[in-house]
Amino acid sequence: MMHNPLLTLVATAFIAATPMLVHAESRSAKSNDQQITEQVKQKLQMDDPAVAPHIMVMTRDGVVTLRGAHLPQGDIDSVTHDAQSVDGVVRVDNRLKPE
């Protein structure tokens, strides 16, 4: 089998760079998730400032999770709609508890 130094160098560089690329993608996803969370919170605050402080918003991989308790069903529906309307939201995991 013939040994190709250039091929060895390219393969070594690729193997060395792969963890950095994965880490960079992970940072980018976290940053995007943080932006989505902030945008959802801002939208909730604008649409219903009395309800917004009672809702916890978390985002992971574009999936927004909403948590809160003792909210009227109409508020829950409105909050869910607001979260779904934010760019980048893949899905809303609604864990809000009605009154």
PDB file of N, CA and C in Angstrom:
ATOM      1  N   MET A   1       0.840  -1.171   0.000  1.00  0.00           N
ATOM      2  CA  MET A   1       0.000   0.000   0.000  1.00  0.00           C
ATOM      3  C   MET A   1       0.891   1.241   0.000  1.00  0.00           C
ATOM      4  N   MET A   2       0.598   2.178  -0.860  1.00  0.00           N
ATOM      5  CA  MET A   2       1.399   3.377  -1.005  1.00  0.00           C
ATOM      6  C   MET A   2       0.958   4.420   0.019  1.00  0.00           C
ATOM      7  N   HIS A   3       1.888   5.050   0.670  1.00  0.00           N
ATOM      8  CA  HIS A   3       1.614   6.062   1.684  1.00  0.00           C
ATOM      9  C   HIS A   3       1.632   7.437   1.027  1.00  0.00           C
ATOM     10  N   ASN A   4       0.538   8.179   1.148  1.00  0.00           N
ATOM     11  CA  ASN A   4       0.430   9.502   0.553  1.00  0.00           C
ATOM     12  C   ASN A   4       0.477  10.538   1.668  1.00  0.00           C
ATOM     13  N   PRO A   5       1.571  11.294   1.790  1.00  0.00           N
ATOM     14  CA  PRO A   5       1.692  12.261   2.883  1.00  0.00           C
ATOM     15  C   PRO A   5       0.637  13.359   2.829  1.00  0.00           C
ATOM     16  N   LEU A   6       0.227  13.774   1.654  1.00  0.00           N
ATOM     17  CA  LEU A   6      -0.781  14.819   1.536  1.00  0.00           C
ATOM     18  C   LEU A   6      -2.125  14.316   2.060  1.00  0.00           C
ATOM     19  N   LEU A   7      -2.486  13.093   1.701  1.00  0.00           N
ATOM     20  CA  LEU A   7      -3.728  12.509   2.176  1.00  0.00           C
ATOM     21  C   LEU A   7      -3.703  12.362   3.692  1.00  0.00           C
ATOM     22  N   THR A   8      -2.585  11.951   4.227  1.00  0.00           N
ATOM     23  CA  THR A   8      -2.434  11.824   5.676  1.00  0.00           C
ATOM     24  C   THR A   8      -2.603  13.175   6.354  1.00  0.00           C
ATOM     25  N   LEU A   9      -2.011  14.215   5.779  1.00  0.00           N
ATOM     26  CA  LEU A   9      -2.111  15.564   6.338  1.00  0.00           C
ATOM     27  C   LEU A   9      -3.554  16.058   6.309  1.00  0.00           C
ATOM     28  N   VAL A  10      -4.249  15.859   5.210  1.00  0.00           N
ATOM     29  CA  VAL A  10      -5.640  16.302   5.085  1.00  0.00           C
ATOM     30  C   VAL A  10      -6.520  15.552   6.083  1.00  0.00           C
ATOM     31  N   ALA A  11      -6.346  14.253   6.181  1.00  0.00           N
ATOM     32  CA  ALA A  11      -7.140  13.449   7.115  1.00  0.00           C
ATOM     33  C   ALA A  11      -6.890  13.876   8.549  1.00  0.00           C
ATOM     34  N   THR A  12      -5.643  14.128   8.899  1.00  0.00           N
ATOM     35  CA  THR A  12      -5.292  14.557  10.253  1.00  0.00           C
ATOM     36  C   THR A  12      -5.914  15.921  10.560  1.00  0.00           C
ATOM     37  N   ALA A  13      -5.854  16.832   9.607  1.00  0.00           N
ATOM     38  CA  ALA A  13      -6.436  18.167   9.805  1.00  0.00           C
ATOM     39  C   ALA A  13      -7.945  18.073   9.985  1.00  0.00           C
ATOM     40  N   PHE A  14      -8.597  17.219   9.200  1.00  0.00           N
ATOM     41  CA  PHE A  14     -10.043  17.048   9.310  1.00  0.00           C
ATOM     42  C   PHE A  14     -10.413  16.490  10.683  1.00  0.00           C
ATOM     43  N   ILE A  15      -9.701  15.475  11.108  1.00  0.00           N
ATOM     44  CA  ILE A  15      -9.978  14.868  12.416  1.00  0.00           C
ATOM     45  C   ILE A  15      -9.753  15.881  13.529  1.00  0.00           C
ATOM     46  N   ALA A  16      -8.716  16.681  13.419  1.00  0.00           N
ATOM     47  CA  ALA A  16      -8.433  17.690  14.443  1.00  0.00           C
ATOM     48  C   ALA A  16      -9.475  18.800  14.444  1.00  0.00           C
ATOM     49  N   ALA A  17     -10.010  19.154  13.281  1.00  0.00           N
ATOM     50  CA  ALA A  17     -10.948  20.274  13.180  1.00  0.00           C
ATOM     51  C   ALA A  17     -12.375  19.881  13.544  1.00  0.00           C
ATOM     52  N   THR A  18     -12.733  18.625  13.444  1.00  0.00           N
ATOM     53  CA  THR A  18     -14.108  18.196  13.672  1.00  0.00           C
ATOM     54  C   THR A  18     -14.647  18.617  15.036  1.00  0.00           C
ATOM     55  N   PRO A  19     -13.950  18.403  16.141  1.00  0.00           N
ATOM     56  CA  PRO A  19     -14.496  18.848  17.431  1.00  0.00           C
ATOM     57  C   PRO A  19     -14.721  20.362  17.481  1.00  0.00           C
ATOM     58  N   MET A  20     -13.854  21.139  16.840  1.00  0.00           N
ATOM     59  CA  MET A  20     -14.029  22.590  16.831  1.00  0.00           C
ATOM     60  C   MET A  20     -15.279  22.971  16.060  1.00  0.00           C
ATOM     61  N   LEU A  21     -15.554  22.299  14.946  1.00  0.00           N
ATOM     62  CA  LEU A  21     -16.746  22.594  14.169  1.00  0.00           C
ATOM     63  C   LEU A  21     -18.007  22.241  14.946  1.00  0.00           C
ATOM     64  N   VAL A  22     -17.995  21.104  15.604  1.00  0.00           N
ATOM     65  CA  VAL A  22     -19.143  20.691  16.413  1.00  0.00           C
ATOM     66  C   VAL A  22     -19.362  21.688  17.534  1.00  0.00           C
ATOM     67  N   HIS A  23     -18.292  22.119  18.177  1.00  0.00           N
ATOM     68  CA  HIS A  23     -18.396  23.091  19.264  1.00  0.00           C
ATOM     69  C   HIS A  23     -18.940  24.417  18.744  1.00  0.00           C
ATOM     70  N   ALA A  24     -18.492  24.855  17.583  1.00  0.00           N
ATOM     71  CA  ALA A  24     -18.969  26.107  16.997  1.00  0.00           C
ATOM     72  C   ALA A  24     -20.455  26.002  16.669  1.00  0.00           C
ATOM     73  N   GLU A  25     -20.897  24.868  16.119  1.00  0.00           N
ATOM     74  CA  GLU A  25     -22.315  24.675  15.827  1.00  0.00           C
ATOM     75  C   GLU A  25     -23.125  24.679  17.111  1.00  0.00           C
ATOM     76  N   SER A  26     -22.599  24.072  18.159  1.00  0.00           N
ATOM     77  CA  SER A  26     -23.282  24.032  19.441  1.00  0.00           C
ATOM     78  C   SER A  26     -23.451  25.442  20.001  1.00  0.00           C
ATOM     79  N   ARG A  27     -22.392  26.261  19.909  1.00  0.00           N
ATOM     80  CA  ARG A  27     -22.473  27.651  20.375  1.00  0.00           C
ATOM     81  C   ARG A  27     -23.496  28.418  19.567  1.00  0.00           C
ATOM     82  N   SER A  28     -23.517  28.191  18.266  1.00  0.00           N
ATOM     83  CA  SER A  28     -24.460  28.874  17.389  1.00  0.00           C
ATOM     84  C   SER A  28     -25.897  28.486  17.740  1.00  0.00           C
ATOM     85  N   ALA A  29     -26.142  27.215  17.981  1.00  0.00           N
ATOM     86  CA  ALA A  29     -27.486  26.748  18.350  1.00  0.00           C
ATOM     87  C   ALA A  29     -27.910  27.349  19.677  1.00  0.00           C
ATOM     88  N   LYS A  30     -26.998  27.408  20.639  1.00  0.00           N
ATOM     89  CA  LYS A  30     -27.316  28.004  21.940  1.00  0.00           C
ATOM     90  C   LYS A  30     -27.653  29.479  21.780  1.00  0.00           C
ATOM     91  N   SER A  31     -26.878  30.160  20.961  1.00  0.00           N
ATOM     92  CA  SER A  31     -27.121  31.581  20.719  1.00  0.00           C
ATOM     93  C   SER A  31     -28.486  31.781  20.069  1.00  0.00           C
ATOM     94  N   ASN A  32     -28.810  30.949  19.088  1.00  0.00           N
ATOM     95  CA  ASN A  32     -30.102  31.035  18.423  1.00  0.00           C
ATOM     96  C   ASN A  32     -31.230  30.741  19.414  1.00  0.00           C
ATOM     97  N   ASP A  33     -31.061  29.740  20.261  1.00  0.00           N
ATOM     98  CA  ASP A  33     -32.064  29.414  21.272  1.00  0.00           C
ATOM     99  C   ASP A  33     -32.262  30.581  22.236  1.00  0.00           C
ATOM    100  N   GLN A  34     -31.185  31.229  22.622  1.00  0.00           N
ATOM    101  CA  GLN A  34     -31.294  32.383  23.518  1.00  0.00           C
ATOM    102  C   GLN A  34     -32.056  33.517  22.845  1.00  0.00           C
ATOM    103  N   GLN A  35     -31.781  33.735  21.563  1.00  0.00           N
ATOM    104  CA  GLN A  35     -32.498  34.780  20.823  1.00  0.00           C
ATOM    105  C   GLN A  35     -33.985  34.462  20.736  1.00  0.00           C
ATOM    106  N   ILE A  36     -34.313  33.217  20.476  1.00  0.00           N
ATOM    107  CA  ILE A  36     -35.722  32.818  20.407  1.00  0.00           C
ATOM    108  C   ILE A  36     -36.389  33.049  21.755  1.00  0.00           C
ATOM    109  N   THR A  37     -35.738  32.627  22.828  1.00  0.00           N
ATOM    110  CA  THR A  37     -36.302  32.815  24.170  1.00  0.00           C
ATOM    111  C   THR A  37     -36.580  34.288  24.439  1.00  0.00           C
ATOM    112  N   GLU A  38     -35.621  35.138  24.125  1.00  0.00           N
ATOM    113  CA  GLU A  38     -35.798  36.577  24.353  1.00  0.00           C
ATOM    114  C   GLU A  38     -36.929  37.141  23.496  1.00  0.00           C
ATOM    115  N   GLN A  39     -37.016  36.700  22.254  1.00  0.00           N
ATOM    116  CA  GLN A  39     -38.080  37.193  21.377  1.00  0.00           C
ATOM    117  C   GLN A  39     -39.460  36.753  21.861  1.00  0.00           C
ATOM    118  N   VAL A  40     -39.564  35.513  22.351  1.00  0.00           N
ATOM    119  CA  VAL A  40     -40.839  35.037  22.898  1.00  0.00           C
ATOM    120  C   VAL A  40     -41.200  35.865  24.129  1.00  0.00           C
ATOM    121  N   LYS A  41     -40.240  36.075  25.028  1.00  0.00           N
ATOM    122  CA  LYS A  41     -40.508  36.865  26.237  1.00  0.00           C
ATOM    123  C   LYS A  41     -40.949  38.282  25.885  1.00  0.00           C
ATOM    124  N   GLN A  42     -40.283  38.895  24.912  1.00  0.00           N
ATOM    125  CA  GLN A  42     -40.657  40.246  24.488  1.00  0.00           C
ATOM    126  C   GLN A  42     -42.071  40.277  23.923  1.00  0.00           C
ATOM    127  N   LYS A  43     -42.407  39.290  23.122  1.00  0.00           N
ATOM    128  CA  LYS A  43     -43.741  39.232  22.519  1.00  0.00           C
ATOM    129  C   LYS A  43     -44.797  39.061  23.605  1.00  0.00           C
ATOM    130  N   LEU A  44     -44.530  38.198  24.574  1.00  0.00           N
ATOM    131  CA  LEU A  44     -45.479  38.004  25.677  1.00  0.00           C
ATOM    132  C   LEU A  44     -45.649  39.288  26.480  1.00  0.00           C
ATOM    133  N   GLN A  45     -44.542  39.962  26.733  1.00  0.00           N
ATOM    134  CA  GLN A  45     -44.578  41.207  27.503  1.00  0.00           C
ATOM    135  C   GLN A  45     -45.383  42.276  26.764  1.00  0.00           C
ATOM    136  N   MET A  46     -45.223  42.348  25.444  1.00  0.00           N
ATOM    137  CA  MET A  46     -45.957  43.340  24.658  1.00  0.00           C
ATOM    138  C   MET A  46     -47.454  43.023  24.606  1.00  0.00           C
ATOM    139  N   ASP A  47     -47.781  41.740  24.432  1.00  0.00           N
ATOM    140  CA  ASP A  47     -49.181  41.355  24.249  1.00  0.00           C
ATOM    141  C   ASP A  47     -49.964  41.301  25.553  1.00  0.00           C
ATOM    142  N   ASP A  48     -49.339  40.883  26.629  1.00  0.00           N
ATOM    143  CA  ASP A  48     -50.047  40.801  27.912  1.00  0.00           C
ATOM    144  C   ASP A  48     -49.073  40.958  29.072  1.00  0.00           C
ATOM    145  N   PRO A  49     -48.765  42.211  29.414  1.00  0.00           N
ATOM    146  CA  PRO A  49     -47.771  42.458  30.464  1.00  0.00           C
ATOM    147  C   PRO A  49     -48.156  41.901  31.834  1.00  0.00           C
ATOM    148  N   ALA A  50     -49.446  41.669  32.076  1.00  0.00           N
ATOM    149  CA  ALA A  50     -49.861  41.128  33.373  1.00  0.00           C
ATOM    150  C   ALA A  50     -49.594  39.624  33.466  1.00  0.00           C
ATOM    151  N   VAL A  51     -49.615  38.929  32.329  1.00  0.00           N
ATOM    152  CA  VAL A  51     -49.436  37.478  32.316  1.00  0.00           C
ATOM    153  C   VAL A  51     -47.956  37.098  32.152  1.00  0.00           C
ATOM    154  N   ALA A  52     -47.220  37.871  31.384  1.00  0.00           N
ATOM    155  CA  ALA A  52     -45.829  37.539  31.031  1.00  0.00           C
ATOM    156  C   ALA A  52     -44.937  37.182  32.219  1.00  0.00           C
ATOM    157  N   PRO A  53     -44.995  37.902  33.339  1.00  0.00           N
ATOM    158  CA  PRO A  53     -44.101  37.553  34.455  1.00  0.00           C
ATOM    159  C   PRO A  53     -44.375  36.183  35.086  1.00  0.00           C
ATOM    160  N   HIS A  54     -45.526  35.610  34.788  1.00  0.00           N
ATOM    161  CA  HIS A  54     -45.901  34.325  35.381  1.00  0.00           C
ATOM    162  C   HIS A  54     -45.551  33.137  34.489  1.00  0.00           C
ATOM    163  N   ILE A  55     -44.830  33.410  33.394  1.00  0.00           N
ATOM    164  CA  ILE A  55     -44.514  32.356  32.437  1.00  0.00           C
ATOM    165  C   ILE A  55     -43.001  32.216  32.300  1.00  0.00           C
ATOM    166  N   MET A  56     -42.525  30.996  32.458  1.00  0.00           N
ATOM    167  CA  MET A  56     -41.111  30.699  32.254  1.00  0.00           C
ATOM    168  C   MET A  56     -40.954  30.177  30.832  1.00  0.00           C
ATOM    169  N   VAL A  57     -39.981  30.735  30.111  1.00  0.00           N
ATOM    170  CA  VAL A  57     -39.742  30.364  28.719  1.00  0.00           C
ATOM    171  C   VAL A  57     -38.337  29.789  28.599  1.00  0.00           C
ATOM    172  N   MET A  58     -38.226  28.612  28.013  1.00  0.00           N
ATOM    173  CA  MET A  58     -36.931  27.994  27.734  1.00  0.00           C
ATOM    174  C   MET A  58     -36.959  27.485  26.304  1.00  0.00           C
ATOM    175  N   THR A  59     -35.797  27.533  25.643  1.00  0.00           N
ATOM    176  CA  THR A  59     -35.708  27.046  24.261  1.00  0.00           C
ATOM    177  C   THR A  59     -34.502  26.134  24.115  1.00  0.00           C
ATOM    178  N   ARG A  60     -34.724  25.024  23.431  1.00  0.00           N
ATOM    179  CA  ARG A  60     -33.624  24.109  23.117  1.00  0.00           C
ATOM    180  C   ARG A  60     -33.869  23.547  21.727  1.00  0.00           C
ATOM    181  N   ASP A  61     -32.900  23.764  20.858  1.00  0.00           N
ATOM    182  CA  ASP A  61     -32.994  23.296  19.467  1.00  0.00           C
ATOM    183  C   ASP A  61     -34.264  23.800  18.785  1.00  0.00           C
ATOM    184  N   GLY A  62     -34.669  25.022  19.112  1.00  0.00           N
ATOM    185  CA  GLY A  62     -35.843  25.629  18.493  1.00  0.00           C
ATOM    186  C   GLY A  62     -37.168  25.242  19.117  1.00  0.00           C
ATOM    187  N   VAL A  63     -37.145  24.330  20.092  1.00  0.00           N
ATOM    188  CA  VAL A  63     -38.373  23.913  20.778  1.00  0.00           C
ATOM    189  C   VAL A  63     -38.537  24.786  22.025  1.00  0.00           C
ATOM    190  N   VAL A  64     -39.621  25.545  22.057  1.00  0.00           N
ATOM    191  CA  VAL A  64     -39.893  26.448  23.161  1.00  0.00           C
ATOM    192  C   VAL A  64     -40.756  25.725  24.182  1.00  0.00           C
ATOM    193  N   THR A  65     -40.315  25.718  25.431  1.00  0.00           N
ATOM    194  CA  THR A  65     -41.091  25.143  26.527  1.00  0.00           C
ATOM    195  C   THR A  65     -41.624  26.289  27.371  1.00  0.00           C
ATOM    196  N   LEU A  66     -42.935  26.262  27.602  1.00  0.00           N
ATOM    197  CA  LEU A  66     -43.601  27.269  28.421  1.00  0.00           C
ATOM    198  C   LEU A  66     -44.068  26.602  29.713  1.00  0.00           C
ATOM    199  N   ARG A  67     -43.769  27.243  30.833  1.00  0.00           N
ATOM    200  CA  ARG A  67     -44.211  26.728  32.133  1.00  0.00           C
ATOM    201  C   ARG A  67     -44.847  27.861  32.918  1.00  0.00           C
ATOM    202  N   GLY A  68     -45.849  27.518  33.677  1.00  0.00           N
ATOM    203  CA  GLY A  68     -46.538  28.470  34.528  1.00  0.00           C
ATOM    204  C   GLY A  68     -47.786  27.799  35.064  1.00  0.00           C
ATOM    205  N   ALA A  69     -48.373  28.381  36.089  1.00  0.00           N
ATOM    206  CA  ALA A  69     -49.517  27.739  36.715  1.00  0.00           C
ATOM    207  C   ALA A  69     -50.644  28.736  36.950  1.00  0.00           C
ATOM    208  N   HIS A  70     -51.838  28.192  36.990  1.00  0.00           N
ATOM    209  CA  HIS A  70     -53.043  28.933  37.360  1.00  0.00           C
ATOM    210  C   HIS A  70     -53.333  30.094  36.417  1.00  0.00           C
ATOM    211  N   LEU A  71     -53.319  29.791  35.127  1.00  0.00           N
ATOM    212  CA  LEU A  71     -53.637  30.793  34.112  1.00  0.00           C
ATOM    213  C   LEU A  71     -54.980  30.460  33.470  1.00  0.00           C
ATOM    214  N   PRO A  72     -55.764  31.478  33.137  1.00  0.00           N
ATOM    215  CA  PRO A  72     -57.006  31.211  32.407  1.00  0.00           C
ATOM    216  C   PRO A  72     -56.695  30.564  31.055  1.00  0.00           C
ATOM    217  N   GLN A  73     -57.571  29.695  30.592  1.00  0.00           N
ATOM    218  CA  GLN A  73     -57.342  28.973  29.338  1.00  0.00           C
ATOM    219  C   GLN A  73     -57.143  29.939  28.174  1.00  0.00           C
ATOM    220  N   GLY A  74     -57.847  31.046  28.163  1.00  0.00           N
ATOM    221  CA  GLY A  74     -57.677  32.038  27.100  1.00  0.00           C
ATOM    222  C   GLY A  74     -56.269  32.594  27.060  1.00  0.00           C
ATOM    223  N   ASP A  75     -55.687  32.837  28.244  1.00  0.00           N
ATOM    224  CA  ASP A  75     -54.302  33.322  28.309  1.00  0.00           C
ATOM    225  C   ASP A  75     -53.333  32.257  27.820  1.00  0.00           C
ATOM    226  N   ILE A  76     -53.591  31.014  28.183  1.00  0.00           N
ATOM    227  CA  ILE A  76     -52.727  29.910  27.749  1.00  0.00           C
ATOM    228  C   ILE A  76     -52.752  29.815  26.220  1.00  0.00           C
ATOM    229  N   ASP A  77     -53.930  29.904  25.634  1.00  0.00           N
ATOM    230  CA  ASP A  77     -54.045  29.841  24.175  1.00  0.00           C
ATOM    231  C   ASP A  77     -53.304  31.002  23.522  1.00  0.00           C
ATOM    232  N   SER A  78     -53.448  32.190  24.078  1.00  0.00           N
ATOM    233  CA  SER A  78     -52.801  33.382  23.526  1.00  0.00           C
ATOM    234  C   SER A  78     -51.281  33.286  23.617  1.00  0.00           C
ATOM    235  N   VAL A  79     -50.780  32.833  24.763  1.00  0.00           N
ATOM    236  CA  VAL A  79     -49.342  32.698  24.977  1.00  0.00           C
ATOM    237  C   VAL A  79     -48.763  31.664  24.008  1.00  0.00           C
ATOM    238  N   THR A  80     -49.467  30.563  23.831  1.00  0.00           N
ATOM    239  CA  THR A  80     -49.016  29.520  22.912  1.00  0.00           C
ATOM    240  C   THR A  80     -48.946  30.061  21.486  1.00  0.00           C
ATOM    241  N   HIS A  81     -49.957  30.781  21.086  1.00  0.00           N
ATOM    242  CA  HIS A  81     -49.978  31.376  19.744  1.00  0.00           C
ATOM    243  C   HIS A  81     -48.825  32.353  19.577  1.00  0.00           C
ATOM    244  N   ASP A  82     -48.590  33.196  20.584  1.00  0.00           N
ATOM    245  CA  ASP A  82     -47.484  34.159  20.515  1.00  0.00           C
ATOM    246  C   ASP A  82     -46.144  33.453  20.340  1.00  0.00           C
ATOM    247  N   ALA A  83     -45.928  32.392  21.110  1.00  0.00           N
ATOM    248  CA  ALA A  83     -44.656  31.662  21.036  1.00  0.00           C
ATOM    249  C   ALA A  83     -44.489  31.030  19.650  1.00  0.00           C
ATOM    250  N   GLN A  84     -45.558  30.464  19.119  1.00  0.00           N
ATOM    251  CA  GLN A  84     -45.485  29.817  17.803  1.00  0.00           C
ATOM    252  C   GLN A  84     -45.195  30.812  16.685  1.00  0.00           C
ATOM    253  N   SER A  85     -45.522  32.069  16.905  1.00  0.00           N
ATOM    254  CA  SER A  85     -45.368  33.068  15.845  1.00  0.00           C
ATOM    255  C   SER A  85     -43.948  33.635  15.740  1.00  0.00           C
ATOM    256  N   VAL A  86     -43.073  33.265  16.660  1.00  0.00           N
ATOM    257  CA  VAL A  86     -41.702  33.778  16.644  1.00  0.00           C
ATOM    258  C   VAL A  86     -40.866  32.989  15.637  1.00  0.00           C
ATOM    259  N   ASP A  87     -40.121  33.713  14.810  1.00  0.00           N
ATOM    260  CA  ASP A  87     -39.249  33.068  13.824  1.00  0.00           C
ATOM    261  C   ASP A  87     -38.250  32.147  14.510  1.00  0.00           C
ATOM    262  N   GLY A  88     -38.063  30.968  13.947  1.00  0.00           N
ATOM    263  CA  GLY A  88     -37.087  30.014  14.468  1.00  0.00           C
ATOM    264  C   GLY A  88     -37.687  28.985  15.406  1.00  0.00           C
ATOM    265  N   VAL A  89     -38.937  29.195  15.836  1.00  0.00           N
ATOM    266  CA  VAL A  89     -39.582  28.229  16.725  1.00  0.00           C
ATOM    267  C   VAL A  89     -39.997  27.021  15.904  1.00  0.00           C
ATOM    268  N   VAL A  90     -39.506  25.861  16.323  1.00  0.00           N
ATOM    269  CA  VAL A  90     -39.809  24.607  15.638  1.00  0.00           C
ATOM    270  C   VAL A  90     -41.126  24.033  16.172  1.00  0.00           C
ATOM    271  N   ARG A  91     -41.296  24.125  17.495  1.00  0.00           N
ATOM    272  CA  ARG A  91     -42.471  23.554  18.159  1.00  0.00           C
ATOM    273  C   ARG A  91     -42.596  24.217  19.525  1.00  0.00           C
ATOM    274  N   VAL A  92     -43.816  24.248  20.066  1.00  0.00           N
ATOM    275  CA  VAL A  92     -44.041  24.770  21.409  1.00  0.00           C
ATOM    276  C   VAL A  92     -44.486  23.617  22.292  1.00  0.00           C
ATOM    277  N   ASP A  93     -43.742  23.402  23.369  1.00  0.00           N
ATOM    278  CA  ASP A  93     -44.092  22.406  24.381  1.00  0.00           C
ATOM    279  C   ASP A  93     -44.790  23.166  25.498  1.00  0.00           C
ATOM    280  N   ASN A  94     -46.112  23.147  25.463  1.00  0.00           N
ATOM    281  CA  ASN A  94     -46.907  23.935  26.396  1.00  0.00           C
ATOM    282  C   ASN A  94     -47.139  23.146  27.681  1.00  0.00           C
ATOM    283  N   ARG A  95     -46.507  23.590  28.750  1.00  0.00           N
ATOM    284  CA  ARG A  95     -46.676  22.944  30.051  1.00  0.00           C
ATOM    285  C   ARG A  95     -47.353  23.900  31.022  1.00  0.00           C
ATOM    286  N   LEU A  96     -48.089  24.847  30.474  1.00  0.00           N
ATOM    287  CA  LEU A  96     -48.825  25.806  31.304  1.00  0.00           C
ATOM    288  C   LEU A  96     -50.011  25.103  31.939  1.00  0.00           C
ATOM    289  N   LYS A  97     -50.274  25.420  33.199  1.00  0.00           N
ATOM    290  CA  LYS A  97     -51.365  24.782  33.944  1.00  0.00           C
ATOM    291  C   LYS A  97     -52.529  25.759  34.068  1.00  0.00           C
ATOM    292  N   PRO A  98     -53.726  25.315  33.681  1.00  0.00           N
ATOM    293  CA  PRO A  98     -54.894  26.206  33.776  1.00  0.00           C
ATOM    294  C   PRO A  98     -55.366  26.395  35.225  1.00  0.00           C
ATOM    295  N   GLU A  99     -56.206  27.410  35.385  1.00  0.00           N
ATOM    296  CA  GLU A  99     -56.772  27.686  36.716  1.00  0.00           C
ATOM    297  C   GLU A  99     -57.593  26.517  37.180  1.00  0.00           C
TER     298      GLU A  99
END
